[in-house]
Amino acid sequence: MKVMMLILESPEDFDNRGGGPAAKAYWDQWKAYSQAVGDKVVGGNVLDRAETALTLRVRDGRRDVQDGPFADSKEALGGYMVFDVSSMDEALELAASCPAAANGAVELRPIVPMDAV
């Protein structure tokens, strides 16, 4: 089964991506985590800050574009990983050591294959 882990990071984590000693520590954690989960990860990306996002809705044939993300929360979506695992329990085990879980949150969602709908 494939499970997407949405990585919700704190504003401080986004700040730490920039430069200097904090950035090195931030990226070193992620490199170690990526190596630890290894071949269970079959996809994923790092995302830019929430301020760069656009939210689009189409109502009555008209586009409504909003700057930023739709959700208003302290944490923001910082990236995602796709795991190929045998169960949600295995996905939880992999997610438990994710660096973002300590300061932000991670959300796990099973992926529904399009041929299953």
C-alpha atoms as a PDB file:
ATOM      1  CA  MET A   1       0.000   0.000   0.000  1.00  0.00           C
ATOM      2  CA  LYS A   2       1.110   3.545  -0.641  1.00  0.00           C
ATOM      3  CA  VAL A   3       0.746   6.177   2.076  1.00  0.00           C
ATOM      4  CA  MET A   4       1.394   9.902   1.739  1.00  0.00           C
ATOM      5  CA  MET A   5       2.960  11.687   4.683  1.00  0.00           C
ATOM      6  CA  LEU A   6       2.117  15.378   4.646  1.00  0.00           C
ATOM      7  CA  ILE A   7       4.853  17.235   6.509  1.00  0.00           C
ATOM      8  CA  LEU A   8       3.533  20.217   8.473  1.00  0.00           C
ATOM      9  CA  GLU A   9       6.383  22.392   9.660  1.00  0.00           C
ATOM     10  CA  SER A  10       6.576  25.208  12.185  1.00  0.00           C
ATOM     11  CA  PRO A  11       7.521  28.744  11.127  1.00  0.00           C
ATOM     12  CA  GLU A  12      10.856  28.222  12.905  1.00  0.00           C
ATOM     13  CA  ASP A  13      11.595  25.170  10.760  1.00  0.00           C
ATOM     14  CA  PHE A  14      10.955  27.182   7.602  1.00  0.00           C
ATOM     15  CA  ASP A  15      13.284  29.896   8.927  1.00  0.00           C
ATOM     16  CA  ASN A  16      15.956  27.279   9.628  1.00  0.00           C
ATOM     17  CA  ARG A  17      16.044  26.212   5.977  1.00  0.00           C
ATOM     18  CA  GLY A  18      17.802  29.448   5.011  1.00  0.00           C
ATOM     19  CA  GLY A  19      21.479  29.544   5.870  1.00  0.00           C
ATOM     20  CA  GLY A  20      24.059  29.309   8.596  1.00  0.00           C
ATOM     21  CA  PRO A  21      24.390  26.781  11.413  1.00  0.00           C
ATOM     22  CA  ALA A  22      20.622  26.374  11.860  1.00  0.00           C
ATOM     23  CA  ALA A  23      20.224  25.423   8.183  1.00  0.00           C
ATOM     24  CA  LYS A  24      22.997  22.839   8.385  1.00  0.00           C
ATOM     25  CA  ALA A  25      21.412  21.239  11.450  1.00  0.00           C
ATOM     26  CA  TYR A  26      17.964  21.333   9.813  1.00  0.00           C
ATOM     27  CA  TRP A  27      19.117  19.674   6.571  1.00  0.00           C
ATOM     28  CA  ASP A  28      21.378  17.180   8.389  1.00  0.00           C
ATOM     29  CA  GLN A  29      18.300  15.909  10.283  1.00  0.00           C
ATOM     30  CA  TRP A  30      16.400  15.464   7.042  1.00  0.00           C
ATOM     31  CA  LYS A  31      19.307  13.724   5.313  1.00  0.00           C
ATOM     32  CA  ALA A  32      19.602  11.283   8.235  1.00  0.00           C
ATOM     33  CA  TYR A  33      15.847  10.659   8.212  1.00  0.00           C
ATOM     34  CA  SER A  34      15.813  10.093   4.442  1.00  0.00           C
ATOM     35  CA  GLN A  35      18.606   7.545   4.787  1.00  0.00           C
ATOM     36  CA  ALA A  36      16.799   5.839   7.694  1.00  0.00           C
ATOM     37  CA  VAL A  37      13.530   5.350   5.779  1.00  0.00           C
ATOM     38  CA  GLY A  38      15.498   4.339   2.698  1.00  0.00           C
ATOM     39  CA  ASP A  39      13.687   2.482  -0.049  1.00  0.00           C
ATOM     40  CA  LYS A  40      10.309   2.776   1.704  1.00  0.00           C
ATOM     41  CA  VAL A  41      10.103   6.262   0.177  1.00  0.00           C
ATOM     42  CA  VAL A  42       8.876   6.108  -3.418  1.00  0.00           C
ATOM     43  CA  GLY A  43       8.198   9.815  -3.922  1.00  0.00           C
ATOM     44  CA  GLY A  44       8.197  13.212  -2.314  1.00  0.00           C
ATOM     45  CA  ASN A  45       9.366  16.796  -2.504  1.00  0.00           C
ATOM     46  CA  VAL A  46      10.264  19.794  -0.395  1.00  0.00           C
ATOM     47  CA  LEU A  47       7.797  22.660  -0.809  1.00  0.00           C
ATOM     48  CA  ASP A  48       8.420  26.399  -0.653  1.00  0.00           C
ATOM     49  CA  ARG A  49       6.931  28.613   2.071  1.00  0.00           C
ATOM     50  CA  ALA A  50       3.157  28.917   2.374  1.00  0.00           C
ATOM     51  CA  GLU A  51       3.355  32.571   1.323  1.00  0.00           C
ATOM     52  CA  THR A  52       4.259  31.430  -2.199  1.00  0.00           C
ATOM     53  CA  ALA A  53       1.107  29.300  -2.517  1.00  0.00           C
ATOM     54  CA  LEU A  54      -2.040  30.111  -4.446  1.00  0.00           C
ATOM     55  CA  THR A  55      -5.432  28.603  -3.673  1.00  0.00           C
ATOM     56  CA  LEU A  56      -7.869  28.298  -6.590  1.00  0.00           C
ATOM     57  CA  ARG A  57     -11.619  27.788  -6.512  1.00  0.00           C
ATOM     58  CA  VAL A  58     -13.926  27.826  -9.522  1.00  0.00           C
ATOM     59  CA  ARG A  59     -17.474  28.971  -8.751  1.00  0.00           C
ATOM     60  CA  ASP A  60     -20.100  29.538 -11.421  1.00  0.00           C
ATOM     61  CA  GLY A  61     -17.397  29.318 -14.068  1.00  0.00           C
ATOM     62  CA  ARG A  62     -15.290  32.058 -12.476  1.00  0.00           C
ATOM     63  CA  ARG A  63     -11.856  31.572 -11.025  1.00  0.00           C
ATOM     64  CA  ASP A  64     -11.241  32.838  -7.503  1.00  0.00           C
ATOM     65  CA  VAL A  65      -7.536  32.909  -6.676  1.00  0.00           C
ATOM     66  CA  GLN A  66      -6.393  33.536  -3.131  1.00  0.00           C
ATOM     67  CA  ASP A  67      -2.800  34.240  -2.126  1.00  0.00           C
ATOM     68  CA  GLY A  68      -1.422  31.708   0.292  1.00  0.00           C
ATOM     69  CA  PRO A  69      -2.812  28.426   1.512  1.00  0.00           C
ATOM     70  CA  PHE A  70      -6.465  27.883   2.343  1.00  0.00           C
ATOM     71  CA  ALA A  71      -5.853  26.546   5.855  1.00  0.00           C
ATOM     72  CA  ASP A  72      -5.028  29.035   8.574  1.00  0.00           C
ATOM     73  CA  SER A  73      -2.795  27.259  11.048  1.00  0.00           C
ATOM     74  CA  LYS A  74       0.514  27.727  12.807  1.00  0.00           C
ATOM     75  CA  GLU A  75       2.141  24.921  10.827  1.00  0.00           C
ATOM     76  CA  ALA A  76       2.348  24.962   7.046  1.00  0.00           C
ATOM     77  CA  LEU A  77       2.789  22.213   4.503  1.00  0.00           C
ATOM     78  CA  GLY A  78       6.525  21.931   4.017  1.00  0.00           C
ATOM     79  CA  GLY A  79       6.703  18.827   1.893  1.00  0.00           C
ATOM     80  CA  TYR A  80       5.527  15.291   1.496  1.00  0.00           C
ATOM     81  CA  MET A  81       6.823  11.762   1.162  1.00  0.00           C
ATOM     82  CA  VAL A  82       5.133   8.736  -0.306  1.00  0.00           C
ATOM     83  CA  PHE A  83       5.838   5.463   1.469  1.00  0.00           C
ATOM     84  CA  ASP A  84       5.363   1.998   0.015  1.00  0.00           C
ATOM     85  CA  VAL A  85       4.505  -0.054   3.112  1.00  0.00           C
ATOM     86  CA  SER A  86       2.582  -3.142   4.135  1.00  0.00           C
ATOM     87  CA  SER A  87       0.314  -1.370   6.658  1.00  0.00           C
ATOM     88  CA  MET A  88      -0.596   1.935   8.298  1.00  0.00           C
ATOM     89  CA  ASP A  89       1.240   0.693  11.389  1.00  0.00           C
ATOM     90  CA  GLU A  90       4.437   0.506   9.352  1.00  0.00           C
ATOM     91  CA  ALA A  91       3.792   4.022   8.014  1.00  0.00           C
ATOM     92  CA  LEU A  92       3.311   5.262  11.593  1.00  0.00           C
ATOM     93  CA  GLU A  93       6.622   3.699  12.594  1.00  0.00           C
ATOM     94  CA  LEU A  94       8.400   5.481   9.737  1.00  0.00           C
ATOM     95  CA  ALA A  95       6.650   8.785  10.493  1.00  0.00           C
ATOM     96  CA  ALA A  96       7.440   8.690  14.205  1.00  0.00           C
ATOM     97  CA  SER A  97      11.076   9.600  13.604  1.00  0.00           C
ATOM     98  CA  CYS A  98      10.336  12.335  11.038  1.00  0.00           C
ATOM     99  CA  PRO A  99      12.055  15.575  12.126  1.00  0.00           C
ATOM    100  CA  ALA A 100       8.841  17.577  11.622  1.00  0.00           C
ATOM    101  CA  ALA A 101       6.919  15.424  14.107  1.00  0.00           C
ATOM    102  CA  ALA A 102       8.873  16.990  16.986  1.00  0.00           C
ATOM    103  CA  ASN A 103       8.076  20.658  16.196  1.00  0.00           C
ATOM    104  CA  GLY A 104       5.149  20.504  13.777  1.00  0.00           C
ATOM    105  CA  ALA A 105       3.060  17.524  12.743  1.00  0.00           C
ATOM    106  CA  VAL A 106       2.784  14.857  10.104  1.00  0.00           C
ATOM    107  CA  GLU A 107      -0.419  13.569   8.564  1.00  0.00           C
ATOM    108  CA  LEU A 108      -0.623  10.120   7.018  1.00  0.00           C
ATOM    109  CA  ARG A 109      -3.155   9.279   4.328  1.00  0.00           C
ATOM    110  CA  PRO A 110      -3.510   6.095   2.333  1.00  0.00           C
ATOM    111  CA  ILE A 111      -3.384   6.739  -1.401  1.00  0.00           C
ATOM    112  CA  VAL A 112      -6.400   5.471  -3.312  1.00  0.00           C
ATOM    113  CA  PRO A 113      -5.285   4.118  -6.694  1.00  0.00           C
ATOM    114  CA  MET A 114      -7.361   5.592  -9.514  1.00  0.00           C
ATOM    115  CA  ASP A 115      -8.008   2.110 -10.922  1.00  0.00           C
ATOM    116  CA  ALA A 116      -9.752   1.253  -7.627  1.00  0.00           C
ATOM    117  CA  VAL A 117     -12.455   3.904  -7.989  1.00  0.00           C
END
